[in-house]
Amino acid sequence: MAKKTRLEKWTAYDPAEDLGSDEAIAVFMAEAFQTSDAAYIAHALGVVARAKGMAQIAGQTGLSREQLYRSFSEKGNPTLKTTLAVMNALGVQLTAKIPTAA
């Protein structure tokens, strides 16, 4: 007789669920910016937009929810204009600094 194995059901982790405060969002985005990876930064902005509510962000930016989802999807490539509009709606700012020598 074959031994029965118990199959565990896994659910996908959504980091947007853990971004319940402005401080958590700031840390999440700061870490994304430290990667200097444009695709990862765009993905992180999409996660934060979902955490805040994509419909709300769409209303604040004048962009459609579908356009936002598409722009910040894994294969998306948002324009700088879209990125800045979403960052403004999220209350996230870019700052420039001179890198320090290691």
PDB file of N, CA and C in Angstrom:
ATOM      1  N   MET A   1       0.848  -1.171   0.000  1.00  0.00           N
ATOM      2  CA  MET A   1       0.000   0.000   0.000  1.00  0.00           C
ATOM      3  C   MET A   1       0.899   1.242   0.000  1.00  0.00           C
ATOM      4  N   ALA A   2       0.605   2.163  -0.876  1.00  0.00           N
ATOM      5  CA  ALA A   2       1.416   3.378  -0.993  1.00  0.00           C
ATOM      6  C   ALA A   2       1.108   4.327   0.160  1.00  0.00           C
ATOM      7  N   LYS A   3       2.163   4.975   0.629  1.00  0.00           N
ATOM      8  CA  LYS A   3       2.010   5.941   1.715  1.00  0.00           C
ATOM      9  C   LYS A   3       1.452   7.249   1.161  1.00  0.00           C
ATOM     10  N   LYS A   4       0.442   7.765   1.817  1.00  0.00           N
ATOM     11  CA  LYS A   4      -0.141   9.036   1.392  1.00  0.00           C
ATOM     12  C   LYS A   4       0.692  10.181   1.944  1.00  0.00           C
ATOM     13  N   THR A   5       0.909  11.164   1.115  1.00  0.00           N
ATOM     14  CA  THR A   5       1.636  12.348   1.568  1.00  0.00           C
ATOM     15  C   THR A   5       0.668  13.526   1.603  1.00  0.00           C
ATOM     16  N   ARG A   6       0.916  14.375   2.555  1.00  0.00           N
ATOM     17  CA  ARG A   6       0.074  15.551   2.694  1.00  0.00           C
ATOM     18  C   ARG A   6       0.663  16.667   1.843  1.00  0.00           C
ATOM     19  N   LEU A   7      -0.159  17.190   0.986  1.00  0.00           N
ATOM     20  CA  LEU A   7       0.277  18.305   0.148  1.00  0.00           C
ATOM     21  C   LEU A   7      -0.066  19.600   0.859  1.00  0.00           C
ATOM     22  N   GLU A   8       0.931  20.458   0.956  1.00  0.00           N
ATOM     23  CA  GLU A   8       0.702  21.749   1.579  1.00  0.00           C
ATOM     24  C   GLU A   8       0.346  22.759   0.506  1.00  0.00           C
ATOM     25  N   LYS A   9      -0.570  23.623   0.843  1.00  0.00           N
ATOM     26  CA  LYS A   9      -0.984  24.657  -0.095  1.00  0.00           C
ATOM     27  C   LYS A   9      -0.202  25.927   0.207  1.00  0.00           C
ATOM     28  N   TRP A  10       0.520  26.405  -0.789  1.00  0.00           N
ATOM     29  CA  TRP A  10       1.318  27.617  -0.638  1.00  0.00           C
ATOM     30  C   TRP A  10       0.578  28.774  -1.283  1.00  0.00           C
ATOM     31  N   THR A  11       0.662  29.900  -0.677  1.00  0.00           N
ATOM     32  CA  THR A  11       0.088  31.099  -1.276  1.00  0.00           C
ATOM     33  C   THR A  11       1.219  32.042  -1.640  1.00  0.00           C
ATOM     34  N   ALA A  12       0.982  32.820  -2.664  1.00  0.00           N
ATOM     35  CA  ALA A  12       1.999  33.775  -3.111  1.00  0.00           C
ATOM     36  C   ALA A  12       2.109  34.920  -2.107  1.00  0.00           C
ATOM     37  N   TYR A  13       3.327  35.302  -1.828  1.00  0.00           N
ATOM     38  CA  TYR A  13       3.571  36.421  -0.919  1.00  0.00           C
ATOM     39  C   TYR A  13       3.442  37.722  -1.700  1.00  0.00           C
ATOM     40  N   ASP A  14       2.706  38.658  -1.155  1.00  0.00           N
ATOM     41  CA  ASP A  14       2.557  39.971  -1.770  1.00  0.00           C
ATOM     42  C   ASP A  14       3.121  41.011  -0.820  1.00  0.00           C
ATOM     43  N   PRO A  15       4.283  41.602  -1.144  1.00  0.00           N
ATOM     44  CA  PRO A  15       4.888  42.582  -0.241  1.00  0.00           C
ATOM     45  C   PRO A  15       4.006  43.803  -0.004  1.00  0.00           C
ATOM     46  N   ALA A  16       3.057  44.065  -0.884  1.00  0.00           N
ATOM     47  CA  ALA A  16       2.163  45.212  -0.701  1.00  0.00           C
ATOM     48  C   ALA A  16       1.380  45.081   0.605  1.00  0.00           C
ATOM     49  N   GLU A  17       1.149  43.854   1.051  1.00  0.00           N
ATOM     50  CA  GLU A  17       0.401  43.631   2.284  1.00  0.00           C
ATOM     51  C   GLU A  17       1.155  44.108   3.520  1.00  0.00           C
ATOM     52  N   ASP A  18       2.464  44.230   3.433  1.00  0.00           N
ATOM     53  CA  ASP A  18       3.278  44.649   4.571  1.00  0.00           C
ATOM     54  C   ASP A  18       3.608  46.139   4.564  1.00  0.00           C
ATOM     55  N   LEU A  19       3.061  46.870   3.614  1.00  0.00           N
ATOM     56  CA  LEU A  19       3.375  48.291   3.496  1.00  0.00           C
ATOM     57  C   LEU A  19       2.201  49.130   4.013  1.00  0.00           C
ATOM     58  N   GLY A  20       1.953  49.028   5.291  1.00  0.00           N
ATOM     59  CA  GLY A  20       0.812  49.689   5.889  1.00  0.00           C
ATOM     60  C   GLY A  20       1.088  51.082   6.427  1.00  0.00           C
ATOM     61  N   SER A  21       2.332  51.527   6.401  1.00  0.00           N
ATOM     62  CA  SER A  21       2.649  52.855   6.928  1.00  0.00           C
ATOM     63  C   SER A  21       3.576  53.586   5.960  1.00  0.00           C
ATOM     64  N   ASP A  22       3.601  54.906   6.094  1.00  0.00           N
ATOM     65  CA  ASP A  22       4.507  55.700   5.264  1.00  0.00           C
ATOM     66  C   ASP A  22       5.960  55.344   5.542  1.00  0.00           C
ATOM     67  N   GLU A  23       6.266  55.001   6.790  1.00  0.00           N
ATOM     68  CA  GLU A  23       7.642  54.628   7.142  1.00  0.00           C
ATOM     69  C   GLU A  23       8.044  53.332   6.444  1.00  0.00           C
ATOM     70  N   ALA A  24       7.142  52.351   6.413  1.00  0.00           N
ATOM     71  CA  ALA A  24       7.439  51.079   5.736  1.00  0.00           C
ATOM     72  C   ALA A  24       7.647  51.311   4.242  1.00  0.00           C
ATOM     73  N   ILE A  25       6.840  52.184   3.668  1.00  0.00           N
ATOM     74  CA  ILE A  25       6.977  52.506   2.248  1.00  0.00           C
ATOM     75  C   ILE A  25       8.315  53.193   1.988  1.00  0.00           C
ATOM     76  N   ALA A  26       8.696  54.121   2.850  1.00  0.00           N
ATOM     77  CA  ALA A  26       9.968  54.836   2.683  1.00  0.00           C
ATOM     78  C   ALA A  26      11.143  53.873   2.735  1.00  0.00           C
ATOM     79  N   VAL A  27      11.134  52.946   3.677  1.00  0.00           N
ATOM     80  CA  VAL A  27      12.224  51.963   3.788  1.00  0.00           C
ATOM     81  C   VAL A  27      12.248  51.067   2.556  1.00  0.00           C
ATOM     82  N   PHE A  28      11.082  50.598   2.147  1.00  0.00           N
ATOM     83  CA  PHE A  28      10.976  49.720   0.973  1.00  0.00           C
ATOM     84  C   PHE A  28      11.534  50.414  -0.267  1.00  0.00           C
ATOM     85  N   MET A  29      11.148  51.675  -0.488  1.00  0.00           N
ATOM     86  CA  MET A  29      11.615  52.392  -1.667  1.00  0.00           C
ATOM     87  C   MET A  29      13.092  52.749  -1.558  1.00  0.00           C
ATOM     88  N   ALA A  30      13.567  53.109  -0.381  1.00  0.00           N
ATOM     89  CA  ALA A  30      14.996  53.417  -0.207  1.00  0.00           C
ATOM     90  C   ALA A  30      15.842  52.196  -0.562  1.00  0.00           C
ATOM     91  N   GLU A  31      15.396  51.029  -0.141  1.00  0.00           N
ATOM     92  CA  GLU A  31      16.133  49.803  -0.471  1.00  0.00           C
ATOM     93  C   GLU A  31      16.094  49.533  -1.971  1.00  0.00           C
ATOM     94  N   ALA A  32      14.965  49.816  -2.606  1.00  0.00           N
ATOM     95  CA  ALA A  32      14.872  49.623  -4.057  1.00  0.00           C
ATOM     96  C   ALA A  32      15.826  50.567  -4.788  1.00  0.00           C
ATOM     97  N   PHE A  33      15.866  51.840  -4.356  1.00  0.00           N
ATOM     98  CA  PHE A  33      16.757  52.804  -4.998  1.00  0.00           C
ATOM     99  C   PHE A  33      18.224  52.425  -4.828  1.00  0.00           C
ATOM    100  N   GLN A  34      18.564  51.802  -3.714  1.00  0.00           N
ATOM    101  CA  GLN A  34      19.956  51.403  -3.483  1.00  0.00           C
ATOM    102  C   GLN A  34      20.432  50.350  -4.469  1.00  0.00           C
ATOM    103  N   THR A  35      19.515  49.626  -5.090  1.00  0.00           N
ATOM    104  CA  THR A  35      19.921  48.604  -6.058  1.00  0.00           C
ATOM    105  C   THR A  35      20.394  49.214  -7.369  1.00  0.00           C
ATOM    106  N   SER A  36      19.970  50.435  -7.661  1.00  0.00           N
ATOM    107  CA  SER A  36      20.261  51.101  -8.941  1.00  0.00           C
ATOM    108  C   SER A  36      19.759  50.290 -10.134  1.00  0.00           C
ATOM    109  N   ASP A  37      18.808  49.422  -9.913  1.00  0.00           N
ATOM    110  CA  ASP A  37      18.225  48.577 -10.951  1.00  0.00           C
ATOM    111  C   ASP A  37      16.881  49.183 -11.351  1.00  0.00           C
ATOM    112  N   ALA A  38      16.817  49.765 -12.540  1.00  0.00           N
ATOM    113  CA  ALA A  38      15.612  50.471 -12.981  1.00  0.00           C
ATOM    114  C   ALA A  38      14.384  49.568 -12.976  1.00  0.00           C
ATOM    115  N   ALA A  39      14.533  48.333 -13.410  1.00  0.00           N
ATOM    116  CA  ALA A  39      13.401  47.405 -13.449  1.00  0.00           C
ATOM    117  C   ALA A  39      12.903  47.099 -12.040  1.00  0.00           C
ATOM    118  N   TYR A  40      13.831  46.912 -11.105  1.00  0.00           N
ATOM    119  CA  TYR A  40      13.428  46.619  -9.734  1.00  0.00           C
ATOM    120  C   TYR A  40      12.760  47.838  -9.083  1.00  0.00           C
ATOM    121  N   ILE A  41      13.277  49.021  -9.364  1.00  0.00           N
ATOM    122  CA  ILE A  41      12.684  50.244  -8.820  1.00  0.00           C
ATOM    123  C   ILE A  41      11.260  50.411  -9.354  1.00  0.00           C
ATOM    124  N   ALA A  42      11.063  50.166 -10.645  1.00  0.00           N
ATOM    125  CA  ALA A  42       9.728  50.251 -11.233  1.00  0.00           C
ATOM    126  C   ALA A  42       8.799  49.229 -10.586  1.00  0.00           C
ATOM    127  N   HIS A  43       9.295  48.019 -10.392  1.00  0.00           N
ATOM    128  CA  HIS A  43       8.504  46.978  -9.723  1.00  0.00           C
ATOM    129  C   HIS A  43       8.127  47.425  -8.310  1.00  0.00           C
ATOM    130  N   ALA A  44       9.085  47.978  -7.581  1.00  0.00           N
ATOM    131  CA  ALA A  44       8.821  48.431  -6.209  1.00  0.00           C
ATOM    132  C   ALA A  44       7.767  49.532  -6.195  1.00  0.00           C
ATOM    133  N   LEU A  45       7.820  50.444  -7.145  1.00  0.00           N
ATOM    134  CA  LEU A  45       6.794  51.491  -7.235  1.00  0.00           C
ATOM    135  C   LEU A  45       5.415  50.877  -7.483  1.00  0.00           C
ATOM    136  N   GLY A  46       5.374  49.856  -8.301  1.00  0.00           N
ATOM    137  CA  GLY A  46       4.111  49.156  -8.545  1.00  0.00           C
ATOM    138  C   GLY A  46       3.575  48.497  -7.289  1.00  0.00           C
ATOM    139  N   VAL A  47       4.468  47.903  -6.496  1.00  0.00           N
ATOM    140  CA  VAL A  47       4.070  47.281  -5.229  1.00  0.00           C
ATOM    141  C   VAL A  47       3.492  48.337  -4.297  1.00  0.00           C
ATOM    142  N   VAL A  48       4.159  49.470  -4.194  1.00  0.00           N
ATOM    143  CA  VAL A  48       3.687  50.538  -3.308  1.00  0.00           C
ATOM    144  C   VAL A  48       2.355  51.093  -3.816  1.00  0.00           C
ATOM    145  N   ALA A  49       2.220  51.231  -5.128  1.00  0.00           N
ATOM    146  CA  ALA A  49       0.954  51.720  -5.687  1.00  0.00           C
ATOM    147  C   ALA A  49      -0.187  50.759  -5.353  1.00  0.00           C
ATOM    148  N   ARG A  50       0.073  49.453  -5.432  1.00  0.00           N
ATOM    149  CA  ARG A  50      -0.954  48.480  -5.047  1.00  0.00           C
ATOM    150  C   ARG A  50      -1.279  48.587  -3.567  1.00  0.00           C
ATOM    151  N   ALA A  51      -0.256  48.823  -2.744  1.00  0.00           N
ATOM    152  CA  ALA A  51      -0.478  48.944  -1.304  1.00  0.00           C
ATOM    153  C   ALA A  51      -1.361  50.146  -0.987  1.00  0.00           C
ATOM    154  N   LYS A  52      -1.177  51.225  -1.713  1.00  0.00           N
ATOM    155  CA  LYS A  52      -1.961  52.442  -1.493  1.00  0.00           C
ATOM    156  C   LYS A  52      -3.332  52.371  -2.159  1.00  0.00           C
ATOM    157  N   GLY A  53      -3.442  51.528  -3.165  1.00  0.00           N
ATOM    158  CA  GLY A  53      -4.688  51.414  -3.915  1.00  0.00           C
ATOM    159  C   GLY A  53      -4.498  51.937  -5.318  1.00  0.00           C
ATOM    160  N   MET A  54      -4.482  51.038  -6.283  1.00  0.00           N
ATOM    161  CA  MET A  54      -4.203  51.431  -7.665  1.00  0.00           C
ATOM    162  C   MET A  54      -5.262  52.394  -8.190  1.00  0.00           C
ATOM    163  N   ALA A  55      -6.515  52.234  -7.787  1.00  0.00           N
ATOM    164  CA  ALA A  55      -7.568  53.145  -8.246  1.00  0.00           C
ATOM    165  C   ALA A  55      -7.307  54.560  -7.725  1.00  0.00           C
ATOM    166  N   GLN A  56      -6.870  54.666  -6.488  1.00  0.00           N
ATOM    167  CA  GLN A  56      -6.555  55.979  -5.908  1.00  0.00           C
ATOM    168  C   GLN A  56      -5.398  56.628  -6.660  1.00  0.00           C
ATOM    169  N   ILE A  57      -4.350  55.866  -6.921  1.00  0.00           N
ATOM    170  CA  ILE A  57      -3.184  56.383  -7.639  1.00  0.00           C
ATOM    171  C   ILE A  57      -3.587  56.792  -9.055  1.00  0.00           C
ATOM    172  N   ALA A  58      -4.422  55.994  -9.687  1.00  0.00           N
ATOM    173  CA  ALA A  58      -4.894  56.327 -11.034  1.00  0.00           C
ATOM    174  C   ALA A  58      -5.635  57.656 -11.018  1.00  0.00           C
ATOM    175  N   GLY A  59      -6.489  57.841 -10.037  1.00  0.00           N
ATOM    176  CA  GLY A  59      -7.231  59.096  -9.934  1.00  0.00           C
ATOM    177  C   GLY A  59      -6.329  60.293  -9.709  1.00  0.00           C
ATOM    178  N   GLN A  60      -5.286  60.110  -8.907  1.00  0.00           N
ATOM    179  CA  GLN A  60      -4.379  61.221  -8.608  1.00  0.00           C
ATOM    180  C   GLN A  60      -3.463  61.557  -9.781  1.00  0.00           C
ATOM    181  N   THR A  61      -3.150  60.563 -10.591  1.00  0.00           N
ATOM    182  CA  THR A  61      -2.210  60.795 -11.695  1.00  0.00           C
ATOM    183  C   THR A  61      -2.893  61.088 -13.017  1.00  0.00           C
ATOM    184  N   GLY A  62      -4.179  60.764 -13.119  1.00  0.00           N
ATOM    185  CA  GLY A  62      -4.874  60.923 -14.392  1.00  0.00           C
ATOM    186  C   GLY A  62      -4.602  59.787 -15.355  1.00  0.00           C
ATOM    187  N   LEU A  63      -3.939  58.738 -14.889  1.00  0.00           N
ATOM    188  CA  LEU A  63      -3.658  57.558 -15.704  1.00  0.00           C
ATOM    189  C   LEU A  63      -4.688  56.478 -15.380  1.00  0.00           C
ATOM    190  N   SER A  64      -4.911  55.561 -16.309  1.00  0.00           N
ATOM    191  CA  SER A  64      -5.861  54.485 -16.042  1.00  0.00           C
ATOM    192  C   SER A  64      -5.210  53.410 -15.177  1.00  0.00           C
ATOM    193  N   ARG A  65      -6.037  52.685 -14.441  1.00  0.00           N
ATOM    194  CA  ARG A  65      -5.521  51.568 -13.635  1.00  0.00           C
ATOM    195  C   ARG A  65      -4.818  50.561 -14.522  1.00  0.00           C
ATOM    196  N   GLU A  66      -5.403  50.284 -15.684  1.00  0.00           N
ATOM    197  CA  GLU A  66      -4.810  49.316 -16.607  1.00  0.00           C
ATOM    198  C   GLU A  66      -3.429  49.769 -17.061  1.00  0.00           C
ATOM    199  N   GLN A  67      -3.301  51.068 -17.361  1.00  0.00           N
ATOM    200  CA  GLN A  67      -2.000  51.591 -17.775  1.00  0.00           C
ATOM    201  C   GLN A  67      -0.982  51.462 -16.653  1.00  0.00           C
ATOM    202  N   LEU A  68      -1.405  51.739 -15.428  1.00  0.00           N
ATOM    203  CA  LEU A  68      -0.494  51.617 -14.286  1.00  0.00           C
ATOM    204  C   LEU A  68      -0.069  50.172 -14.072  1.00  0.00           C
ATOM    205  N   TYR A  69      -1.032  49.260 -14.091  1.00  0.00           N
ATOM    206  CA  TYR A  69      -0.689  47.842 -13.925  1.00  0.00           C
ATOM    207  C   TYR A  69       0.273  47.395 -15.013  1.00  0.00           C
ATOM    208  N   ARG A  70       0.022  47.797 -16.250  1.00  0.00           N
ATOM    209  CA  ARG A  70       0.879  47.411 -17.373  1.00  0.00           C
ATOM    210  C   ARG A  70       2.275  48.026 -17.230  1.00  0.00           C
ATOM    211  N   SER A  71       2.325  49.315 -16.874  1.00  0.00           N
ATOM    212  CA  SER A  71       3.610  50.006 -16.755  1.00  0.00           C
ATOM    213  C   SER A  71       4.496  49.412 -15.669  1.00  0.00           C
ATOM    214  N   PHE A  72       3.878  49.008 -14.556  1.00  0.00           N
ATOM    215  CA  PHE A  72       4.658  48.526 -13.422  1.00  0.00           C
ATOM    216  C   PHE A  72       4.626  47.010 -13.279  1.00  0.00           C
ATOM    217  N   SER A  73       4.239  46.321 -14.345  1.00  0.00           N
ATOM    218  CA  SER A  73       4.272  44.863 -14.342  1.00  0.00           C
ATOM    219  C   SER A  73       5.714  44.389 -14.517  1.00  0.00           C
ATOM    220  N   GLU A  74       5.902  43.095 -14.432  1.00  0.00           N
ATOM    221  CA  GLU A  74       7.250  42.525 -14.571  1.00  0.00           C
ATOM    222  C   GLU A  74       7.876  42.883 -15.910  1.00  0.00           C
ATOM    223  N   LYS A  75       7.077  42.942 -16.960  1.00  0.00           N
ATOM    224  CA  LYS A  75       7.591  43.274 -18.290  1.00  0.00           C
ATOM    225  C   LYS A  75       7.359  44.735 -18.650  1.00  0.00           C
ATOM    226  N   GLY A  76       6.833  45.509 -17.721  1.00  0.00           N
ATOM    227  CA  GLY A  76       6.548  46.915 -17.984  1.00  0.00           C
ATOM    228  C   GLY A  76       7.810  47.751 -18.068  1.00  0.00           C
ATOM    229  N   ASN A  77       7.650  48.907 -18.673  1.00  0.00           N
ATOM    230  CA  ASN A  77       8.762  49.836 -18.807  1.00  0.00           C
ATOM    231  C   ASN A  77       8.179  51.247 -18.730  1.00  0.00           C
ATOM    232  N   PRO A  78       7.877  51.709 -17.511  1.00  0.00           N
ATOM    233  CA  PRO A  78       7.209  53.001 -17.396  1.00  0.00           C
ATOM    234  C   PRO A  78       8.100  54.149 -17.863  1.00  0.00           C
ATOM    235  N   THR A  79       7.454  55.151 -18.428  1.00  0.00           N
ATOM    236  CA  THR A  79       8.197  56.344 -18.826  1.00  0.00           C
ATOM    237  C   THR A  79       8.583  57.115 -17.565  1.00  0.00           C
ATOM    238  N   LEU A  80       9.510  58.025 -17.720  1.00  0.00           N
ATOM    239  CA  LEU A  80       9.908  58.867 -16.592  1.00  0.00           C
ATOM    240  C   LEU A  80       8.719  59.703 -16.133  1.00  0.00           C
ATOM    241  N   LYS A  81       7.918  60.177 -17.085  1.00  0.00           N
ATOM    242  CA  LYS A  81       6.739  60.976 -16.748  1.00  0.00           C
ATOM    243  C   LYS A  81       5.773  60.171 -15.874  1.00  0.00           C
ATOM    244  N   THR A  82       5.509  58.928 -16.242  1.00  0.00           N
ATOM    245  CA  THR A  82       4.621  58.062 -15.454  1.00  0.00           C
ATOM    246  C   THR A  82       5.229  57.783 -14.094  1.00  0.00           C
ATOM    247  N   THR A  83       6.518  57.481 -14.068  1.00  0.00           N
ATOM    248  CA  THR A  83       7.203  57.187 -12.805  1.00  0.00           C
ATOM    249  C   THR A  83       7.120  58.369 -11.852  1.00  0.00           C
ATOM    250  N   LEU A  84       7.406  59.558 -12.357  1.00  0.00           N
ATOM    251  CA  LEU A  84       7.361  60.746 -11.500  1.00  0.00           C
ATOM    252  C   LEU A  84       5.947  61.061 -11.040  1.00  0.00           C
ATOM    253  N   ALA A  85       4.956  60.841 -11.904  1.00  0.00           N
ATOM    254  CA  ALA A  85       3.559  61.081 -11.517  1.00  0.00           C
ATOM    255  C   ALA A  85       3.147  60.143 -10.388  1.00  0.00           C
ATOM    256  N   VAL A  86       3.530  58.878 -10.492  1.00  0.00           N
ATOM    257  CA  VAL A  86       3.194  57.901  -9.454  1.00  0.00           C
ATOM    258  C   VAL A  86       3.947  58.227  -8.167  1.00  0.00           C
ATOM    259  N   MET A  87       5.218  58.561  -8.285  1.00  0.00           N
ATOM    260  CA  MET A  87       5.985  58.917  -7.088  1.00  0.00           C
ATOM    261  C   MET A  87       5.369  60.114  -6.385  1.00  0.00           C
ATOM    262  N   ASN A  88       4.934  61.113  -7.150  1.00  0.00           N
ATOM    263  CA  ASN A  88       4.297  62.282  -6.568  1.00  0.00           C
ATOM    264  C   ASN A  88       3.003  61.891  -5.844  1.00  0.00           C
ATOM    265  N   ALA A  89       2.206  61.051  -6.469  1.00  0.00           N
ATOM    266  CA  ALA A  89       0.954  60.600  -5.860  1.00  0.00           C
ATOM    267  C   ALA A  89       1.210  59.802  -4.584  1.00  0.00           C
ATOM    268  N   LEU A  90       2.331  59.094  -4.548  1.00  0.00           N
ATOM    269  CA  LEU A  90       2.676  58.284  -3.378  1.00  0.00           C
ATOM    270  C   LEU A  90       3.372  59.085  -2.285  1.00  0.00           C
ATOM    271  N   GLY A  91       3.776  60.307  -2.612  1.00  0.00           N
ATOM    272  CA  GLY A  91       4.514  61.110  -1.641  1.00  0.00           C
ATOM    273  C   GLY A  91       5.963  60.683  -1.515  1.00  0.00           C
ATOM    274  N   VAL A  92       6.491  60.068  -2.574  1.00  0.00           N
ATOM    275  CA  VAL A  92       7.882  59.604  -2.601  1.00  0.00           C
ATOM    276  C   VAL A  92       8.671  60.583  -3.450  1.00  0.00           C
ATOM    277  N   GLN A  93       9.825  61.009  -2.946  1.00  0.00           N
ATOM    278  CA  GLN A  93      10.645  61.974  -3.665  1.00  0.00           C
ATOM    279  C   GLN A  93      12.015  61.385  -3.994  1.00  0.00           C
ATOM    280  N   LEU A  94      12.538  61.815  -5.124  1.00  0.00           N
ATOM    281  CA  LEU A  94      13.915  61.496  -5.483  1.00  0.00           C
ATOM    282  C   LEU A  94      14.810  62.611  -4.964  1.00  0.00           C
ATOM    283  N   THR A  95      15.955  62.243  -4.492  1.00  0.00           N
ATOM    284  CA  THR A  95      16.943  63.251  -4.109  1.00  0.00           C
ATOM    285  C   THR A  95      18.267  62.882  -4.737  1.00  0.00           C
ATOM    286  N   ALA A  96      19.066  63.872  -5.007  1.00  0.00           N
ATOM    287  CA  ALA A  96      20.382  63.644  -5.586  1.00  0.00           C
ATOM    288  C   ALA A  96      21.438  63.881  -4.516  1.00  0.00           C
ATOM    289  N   LYS A  97      22.482  63.058  -4.562  1.00  0.00           N
ATOM    290  CA  LYS A  97      23.602  63.252  -3.658  1.00  0.00           C
ATOM    291  C   LYS A  97      24.870  62.793  -4.339  1.00  0.00           C
ATOM    292  N   ILE A  98      25.962  63.345  -3.917  1.00  0.00           N
ATOM    293  CA  ILE A  98      27.262  62.954  -4.433  1.00  0.00           C
ATOM    294  C   ILE A  98      27.682  61.691  -3.692  1.00  0.00           C
ATOM    295  N   PRO A  99      28.019  60.638  -4.439  1.00  0.00           N
ATOM    296  CA  PRO A  99      28.420  59.393  -3.770  1.00  0.00           C
ATOM    297  C   PRO A  99      29.730  59.598  -2.994  1.00  0.00           C
ATOM    298  N   THR A 100      29.810  58.942  -1.872  1.00  0.00           N
ATOM    299  CA  THR A 100      31.035  58.991  -1.086  1.00  0.00           C
ATOM    300  C   THR A 100      31.961  57.872  -1.517  1.00  0.00           C
ATOM    301  N   ALA A 101      33.247  58.132  -1.458  1.00  0.00           N
ATOM    302  CA  ALA A 101      34.224  57.127  -1.849  1.00  0.00           C
ATOM    303  C   ALA A 101      34.258  56.018  -0.812  1.00  0.00           C
ATOM    304  N   ALA A 102      34.416  54.809  -1.295  1.00  0.00           N
ATOM    305  CA  ALA A 102      34.432  53.650  -0.381  1.00  0.00           C
ATOM    306  C   ALA A 102      35.762  53.470   0.268  1.00  0.00           C
TER     307      ALA A 102
END
